[in-house]
Amino acid sequence: MLEGVSAPTKAGYTFTGWKYADSAVSSDTKFSDLAADDKVSGITLVAEWMAKTYTIKFDTRGGTPVADKTLHWDDKVLDGVVPPTKEGGFEFIGWNIVSPKLSVTTLNCTYGELVQDDSIDTVTLGAVWRDTEKPVIIGLENGKIYCGPQKFKVTDNDTSRTATVIINGKNVEPDADGYYTAEPANGEFKVIAVDSFANMAMVQITVNAAHDYSDWKFDENEHWKECKYGDSVIEKGEHTFEWVTDKEATETEKGIAHEECTVCHAKRNENTEVQKLKTKWEKIRDWLISILVKIIKWFIDLIKDVC
């Protein structure tokens, strides 16, 4: 009965045979087996089909995992798929096709509409993320005054592309080590970093051509000079103290003195008392005592020699 009849094809399905009413039809089936009597001149056979199974894989690109989805030709691609999440300031905005290469522009379709070729049994989709955090400018502090060229870096969540860096309205490029430079201008700089999702970071700084050093600064042990803007220190060293008289001592009153660094003039031991000067009679007394001491010493030495 089926001699010369070709098996039909249907995208997404495997042909499993013919059927008439509730009876399976094989190559051995005769027309008379199916016809009610010899008055029946024709019958209609119905093709039987088994749906093929396909797989959608999901590459979340750093997001929470999404399990593979098994589906059939006429099933919607994304029905029942829970969107992934990703920490660090990323928003999920959809999927794109990783493999194989397909021509469709939307995933709001059935598997059959997606692949249009039922020999393709697996499709991999990749998560598309939107960076919601602005870039970070490292090495510059908003509102700060610097002296000399200032190097800085820019980091961003979207590592696939480099953020655009603009200094005073002009695009600038990093050096081989990834650093940008704000050159001295004795004026204000506006530094802007914009990523591929239009997130923007900005700092405003002032860059002077040279340092402006302060007067001496000191602590208990050392002295130094530093730039008024806090980014350079020079002439650092230990104190060298000597005594300085604040008030001369007299025969009737004590004096006052302090120690002072010969370099930075830091002071210590202030208001130290200086003993009164000796009177004329005290000086004579001390002279007589010294003479007496010498005589006694001479006499002792003489006795030692005699003995």
Protein backbone atom coordinates (compact mmCIF):
# COMPACT_ATOMS: atom_id res chain seq x y z
CA MET A 1 0.00 0.00 0.00
CA LEU A 2 2.85 2.44 0.83
CA GLU A 3 5.04 1.41 -2.06
CA GLY A 4 6.48 4.52 -3.73
CA VAL A 5 5.29 6.84 -0.95
CA SER A 6 8.08 9.08 0.38
CA ALA A 7 8.25 9.87 4.08
CA PRO A 8 7.22 13.49 4.71
CA THR A 9 9.39 16.00 6.58
CA LYS A 10 8.47 18.68 9.10
CA ALA A 11 10.87 21.15 10.72
CA GLY A 12 11.38 20.33 14.37
CA TYR A 13 9.82 16.88 14.17
CA THR A 14 10.76 13.31 13.31
CA PHE A 15 8.29 11.35 11.14
CA THR A 16 7.29 8.14 12.92
CA GLY A 17 4.79 6.67 10.46
CA TRP A 18 1.25 6.76 9.08
CA LYS A 19 -2.00 6.20 10.82
CA TYR A 20 -5.56 5.62 9.72
CA ALA A 21 -8.16 6.19 12.40
CA ASP A 22 -6.63 4.34 15.34
CA SER A 23 -4.70 1.87 13.22
CA ALA A 24 -1.02 2.10 12.42
CA VAL A 25 -0.18 1.70 8.76
CA SER A 26 2.93 -0.18 7.67
CA SER A 27 4.39 -1.24 4.37
CA ASP A 28 2.54 -4.54 4.71
CA THR A 29 -0.85 -2.94 5.26
CA LYS A 30 -3.30 -3.45 2.39
CA PHE A 31 -6.02 -1.07 1.29
CA SER A 32 -8.61 -3.72 2.02
CA ASP A 33 -7.33 -3.93 5.61
CA LEU A 34 -8.46 -0.36 6.18
CA ALA A 35 -11.50 0.06 3.88
CA ALA A 36 -14.85 -0.92 5.38
CA ASP A 37 -15.94 -2.61 2.14
CA ASP A 38 -15.20 -2.67 -1.56
CA LYS A 39 -17.37 0.38 -2.12
CA VAL A 40 -14.73 2.60 -0.43
CA SER A 41 -12.69 4.18 -3.18
CA GLY A 42 -10.21 6.20 -1.08
CA ILE A 43 -8.87 6.79 2.41
CA THR A 44 -6.75 9.49 4.08
CA LEU A 45 -3.66 8.58 6.07
CA VAL A 46 -2.44 10.90 8.82
CA ALA A 47 1.27 11.41 9.44
CA GLU A 48 2.54 10.74 12.99
CA TRP A 49 5.25 13.01 14.35
CA MET A 50 7.58 13.10 17.39
CA ALA A 51 8.82 16.51 18.48
CA LYS A 52 12.60 16.92 18.51
CA THR A 53 14.27 18.24 21.66
CA TYR A 54 16.54 21.30 21.60
CA THR A 55 18.72 23.04 24.20
CA ILE A 56 19.33 26.67 25.08
CA LYS A 57 22.52 27.30 27.10
CA PHE A 58 23.13 30.54 29.02
CA ASP A 59 26.47 32.26 29.53
CA THR A 60 25.75 34.84 32.25
CA ARG A 61 29.20 36.45 31.93
CA GLY A 62 29.86 36.74 35.63
CA GLY A 63 26.25 36.82 36.76
CA THR A 64 24.26 34.28 38.72
CA PRO A 65 23.97 30.96 36.83
CA VAL A 66 20.96 30.14 34.67
CA ALA A 67 20.19 26.46 34.03
CA ASP A 68 20.04 25.08 30.49
CA LYS A 69 16.55 25.11 28.99
CA THR A 70 15.16 22.13 27.07
CA LEU A 71 12.46 23.01 24.55
CA HIS A 72 10.74 22.07 21.32
CA TRP A 73 10.54 23.72 17.93
CA ASP A 74 7.43 25.76 18.63
CA ASP A 75 8.30 26.75 22.21
CA LYS A 76 9.18 30.34 23.04
CA VAL A 77 12.92 30.76 23.57
CA LEU A 78 12.83 32.76 26.82
CA ASP A 79 9.56 31.62 28.39
CA GLY A 80 10.19 30.77 32.06
CA VAL A 81 13.81 31.97 32.05
CA VAL A 82 14.64 33.94 35.21
CA PRO A 83 17.02 36.87 34.47
CA PRO A 84 20.41 36.61 36.21
CA THR A 85 21.86 39.21 38.56
CA LYS A 86 25.41 40.48 38.92
CA GLU A 87 27.03 42.24 41.85
CA GLY A 88 29.19 45.33 41.58
CA GLY A 89 26.84 47.78 39.93
CA PHE A 90 25.50 45.91 36.88
CA GLU A 91 21.97 45.85 35.47
CA PHE A 92 20.79 42.97 33.26
CA ILE A 93 19.37 44.30 29.99
CA GLY A 94 18.92 41.12 27.94
CA TRP A 95 20.57 38.31 26.00
CA ASN A 96 22.52 38.12 22.79
CA ILE A 97 23.41 35.12 20.62
CA VAL A 98 26.86 33.69 21.30
CA SER A 99 26.71 30.66 19.00
CA PRO A 100 25.96 29.63 16.37
CA LYS A 101 25.84 32.66 14.10
CA LEU A 102 22.18 33.45 13.41
CA SER A 103 20.45 36.22 11.49
CA VAL A 104 17.53 36.98 13.81
CA THR A 105 17.36 40.34 15.58
CA THR A 106 15.02 39.39 18.43
CA LEU A 107 14.78 36.59 20.96
CA ASN A 108 11.05 37.14 21.47
CA CYS A 109 10.33 34.19 19.23
CA THR A 110 10.07 30.40 19.08
CA TYR A 111 13.09 28.15 18.77
CA GLY A 112 12.13 27.44 15.18
CA GLU A 113 11.97 31.15 14.35
CA LEU A 114 15.34 31.60 16.04
CA VAL A 115 17.36 28.94 14.22
CA GLN A 116 15.27 28.31 11.06
CA ASP A 117 17.20 25.06 10.66
CA ASP A 118 16.13 22.05 12.69
CA SER A 119 19.58 20.48 12.50
CA ILE A 120 20.80 23.12 14.98
CA ASP A 121 20.12 21.41 18.29
CA THR A 122 21.90 23.82 20.68
CA VAL A 123 22.06 27.61 20.95
CA THR A 124 24.14 29.55 23.50
CA LEU A 125 22.93 32.96 24.68
CA GLY A 126 25.09 35.49 26.52
CA ALA A 127 23.93 37.96 29.16
CA VAL A 128 24.19 41.65 28.31
CA TRP A 129 24.91 43.94 31.25
CA ARG A 130 24.68 47.67 31.75
CA ASP A 131 27.27 49.23 34.04
CA THR A 132 25.40 51.49 36.48
CA GLU A 133 28.41 52.81 38.39
CA LYS A 134 30.53 55.76 37.34
CA PRO A 135 34.27 55.37 36.71
CA VAL A 136 36.72 55.99 39.56
CA ILE A 137 39.50 58.58 39.20
CA ILE A 138 42.45 57.37 41.29
CA GLY A 139 45.18 59.79 42.36
CA LEU A 140 43.27 63.08 42.30
CA GLU A 141 41.19 64.56 45.11
CA ASN A 142 38.39 66.93 44.22
CA GLY A 143 39.16 70.54 45.18
CA LYS A 144 42.81 69.87 46.03
CA ILE A 145 45.77 72.01 44.94
CA TYR A 146 48.79 70.17 43.50
CA CYS A 147 52.25 71.26 42.44
CA GLY A 148 53.92 69.83 39.34
CA PRO A 149 52.56 67.21 36.91
CA GLN A 150 49.95 64.93 38.50
CA LYS A 151 49.57 61.35 37.29
CA PHE A 152 46.29 59.51 37.81
CA LYS A 153 44.44 56.41 36.70
CA VAL A 154 40.82 55.67 35.83
CA THR A 155 39.11 52.37 36.61
CA ASP A 156 35.67 51.23 35.52
CA ASN A 157 33.33 48.23 35.88
CA ASP A 158 33.18 47.85 32.12
CA THR A 159 36.63 46.32 31.57
CA SER A 160 35.87 45.55 27.92
CA ARG A 161 36.31 49.22 26.98
CA THR A 162 38.44 52.07 28.24
CA ALA A 163 36.62 55.06 29.68
CA THR A 164 36.98 58.36 27.83
CA VAL A 165 39.07 60.86 29.82
CA ILE A 166 38.70 64.59 29.18
CA ILE A 167 40.87 67.33 30.72
CA ASN A 168 39.58 70.88 30.29
CA GLY A 169 37.49 69.83 27.30
CA LYS A 170 40.24 67.89 25.51
CA ASN A 171 40.36 64.11 25.15
CA VAL A 172 43.58 62.62 26.52
CA GLU A 173 45.16 59.19 26.24
CA PRO A 174 46.98 57.17 28.92
CA ASP A 175 50.67 56.31 28.77
CA ALA A 176 52.02 52.78 28.37
CA ASP A 177 51.43 52.11 32.08
CA GLY A 178 47.82 53.31 32.00
CA TYR A 179 48.43 56.70 33.64
CA TYR A 180 47.02 60.05 32.57
CA THR A 181 48.83 63.33 33.38
CA ALA A 182 47.51 66.74 34.40
CA GLU A 183 50.33 69.12 33.43
CA PRO A 184 51.13 72.26 35.49
CA ALA A 185 49.08 75.24 34.43
CA ASN A 186 48.84 77.48 37.50
CA GLY A 187 45.11 77.17 37.14
CA GLU A 188 42.08 74.96 37.47
CA PHE A 189 41.66 71.60 35.81
CA LYS A 190 38.37 69.85 35.20
CA VAL A 191 38.96 66.12 34.75
CA ILE A 192 36.03 64.05 33.45
CA ALA A 193 35.87 60.27 32.93
CA VAL A 194 32.93 58.84 30.96
CA ASP A 195 32.33 55.12 30.39
CA SER A 196 30.54 53.42 27.51
CA PHE A 197 27.21 53.63 29.37
CA ALA A 198 27.51 57.41 29.88
CA ASN A 199 28.28 57.12 33.60
CA MET A 200 30.46 60.12 34.47
CA ALA A 201 32.94 61.01 37.21
CA MET A 202 34.46 64.48 37.59
CA VAL A 203 37.06 66.18 39.79
CA GLN A 204 38.18 69.80 39.78
CA ILE A 205 41.74 70.51 40.89
CA THR A 206 44.38 73.22 40.67
CA VAL A 207 47.87 72.37 39.43
CA ASN A 208 50.67 74.86 40.13
CA ALA A 209 53.93 74.90 38.22
CA ALA A 210 56.09 74.83 41.38
CA HIS A 211 55.91 74.15 45.12
CA ASP A 212 55.24 76.96 47.58
CA TYR A 213 57.11 76.10 50.77
CA SER A 214 56.05 77.27 54.22
CA ASP A 215 58.15 78.58 57.10
CA TRP A 216 59.78 76.04 59.37
CA LYS A 217 57.61 73.36 60.96
CA PHE A 218 58.92 71.24 63.81
CA ASP A 219 58.23 68.72 66.54
CA GLU A 220 60.29 67.75 69.59
CA ASN A 221 63.06 66.12 67.56
CA GLU A 222 63.05 67.40 63.97
CA HIS A 223 62.33 70.37 61.74
CA TRP A 224 61.31 70.67 58.07
CA LYS A 225 59.62 72.79 55.42
CA GLU A 226 56.61 71.57 53.51
CA CYS A 227 54.67 72.73 50.50
CA LYS A 228 51.63 74.75 51.54
CA TYR A 229 49.55 72.24 49.62
CA GLY A 230 50.95 69.26 51.51
CA ASP A 231 52.58 67.17 48.79
CA SER A 232 56.31 67.82 49.34
CA VAL A 233 58.76 68.08 52.29
CA ILE A 234 62.30 69.51 52.19
CA GLU A 235 65.21 70.33 54.56
CA LYS A 236 64.17 67.77 57.14
CA GLY A 237 66.70 67.28 59.96
CA GLU A 238 67.33 66.97 63.69
CA HIS A 239 67.44 70.01 65.96
CA THR A 240 70.77 71.56 67.05
CA PHE A 241 70.12 73.38 70.33
CA GLU A 242 72.15 76.05 72.11
CA TRP A 243 71.42 78.18 75.16
CA VAL A 244 70.03 81.68 74.65
CA THR A 245 69.87 84.26 77.47
CA ASP A 246 66.53 85.97 77.94
CA LYS A 247 67.54 87.91 81.06
CA GLU A 248 71.08 88.44 82.34
CA ALA A 249 71.81 87.32 85.90
CA THR A 250 73.16 89.92 88.35
CA GLU A 251 74.65 89.78 91.84
CA THR A 252 71.18 90.40 93.25
CA GLU A 253 68.81 88.63 90.77
CA LYS A 254 68.74 85.32 88.93
CA GLY A 255 68.70 85.31 85.13
CA ILE A 256 66.42 83.48 82.65
CA ALA A 257 67.45 81.38 79.60
CA HIS A 258 66.13 78.79 77.12
CA GLU A 259 67.48 76.37 74.51
CA GLU A 260 66.87 77.26 70.86
CA CYS A 261 67.50 75.36 67.60
CA THR A 262 70.09 77.22 65.52
CA VAL A 263 68.22 76.27 62.30
CA CYS A 264 64.47 76.56 62.87
CA HIS A 265 64.50 78.45 66.21
CA ALA A 266 62.33 75.88 67.96
CA LYS A 267 62.57 76.40 71.74
CA ARG A 268 62.74 74.12 74.75
CA ASN A 269 63.47 74.43 78.48
CA GLU A 270 62.01 77.92 78.47
CA ASN A 271 62.21 80.07 81.65
CA THR A 272 65.18 78.12 82.96
CA GLU A 273 66.70 79.96 85.96
CA VAL A 274 70.32 81.14 85.79
CA GLN A 275 72.12 81.49 89.13
CA LYS A 276 72.99 84.97 90.46
CA LEU A 277 76.47 86.36 89.76
CA LYS A 278 78.97 86.07 92.61
CA THR A 279 79.70 89.18 94.68
CA LYS A 280 83.21 90.59 95.12
CA TRP A 281 83.60 88.99 98.57
CA GLU A 282 82.31 85.62 97.27
CA LYS A 283 84.94 85.69 94.55
CA ILE A 284 87.71 86.48 97.14
CA ARG A 285 86.43 83.66 99.34
CA ASP A 286 86.51 81.19 96.47
CA TRP A 287 90.06 82.34 95.57
CA LEU A 288 91.31 81.83 99.11
CA ILE A 289 89.71 78.39 99.27
CA SER A 290 91.41 77.36 96.04
CA ILE A 291 94.82 78.52 97.39
CA LEU A 292 94.27 76.61 100.61
CA VAL A 293 93.38 73.45 98.69
CA LYS A 294 96.58 73.71 96.66
CA ILE A 295 98.72 74.19 99.84
CA ILE A 296 97.17 71.18 101.52
CA LYS A 297 97.76 69.06 98.42
CA TRP A 298 101.40 70.22 98.27
CA PHE A 299 101.93 69.38 101.95
CA ILE A 300 100.45 65.87 101.54
CA ASP A 301 102.67 65.17 98.54
CA LEU A 302 105.73 66.34 100.51
CA ILE A 303 105.01 63.99 103.41
CA LYS A 304 104.65 61.08 100.99
CA ASP A 305 108.07 61.83 99.50
CA VAL A 306 109.77 61.99 102.95
CA CYS A 307 108.24 58.76 104.13
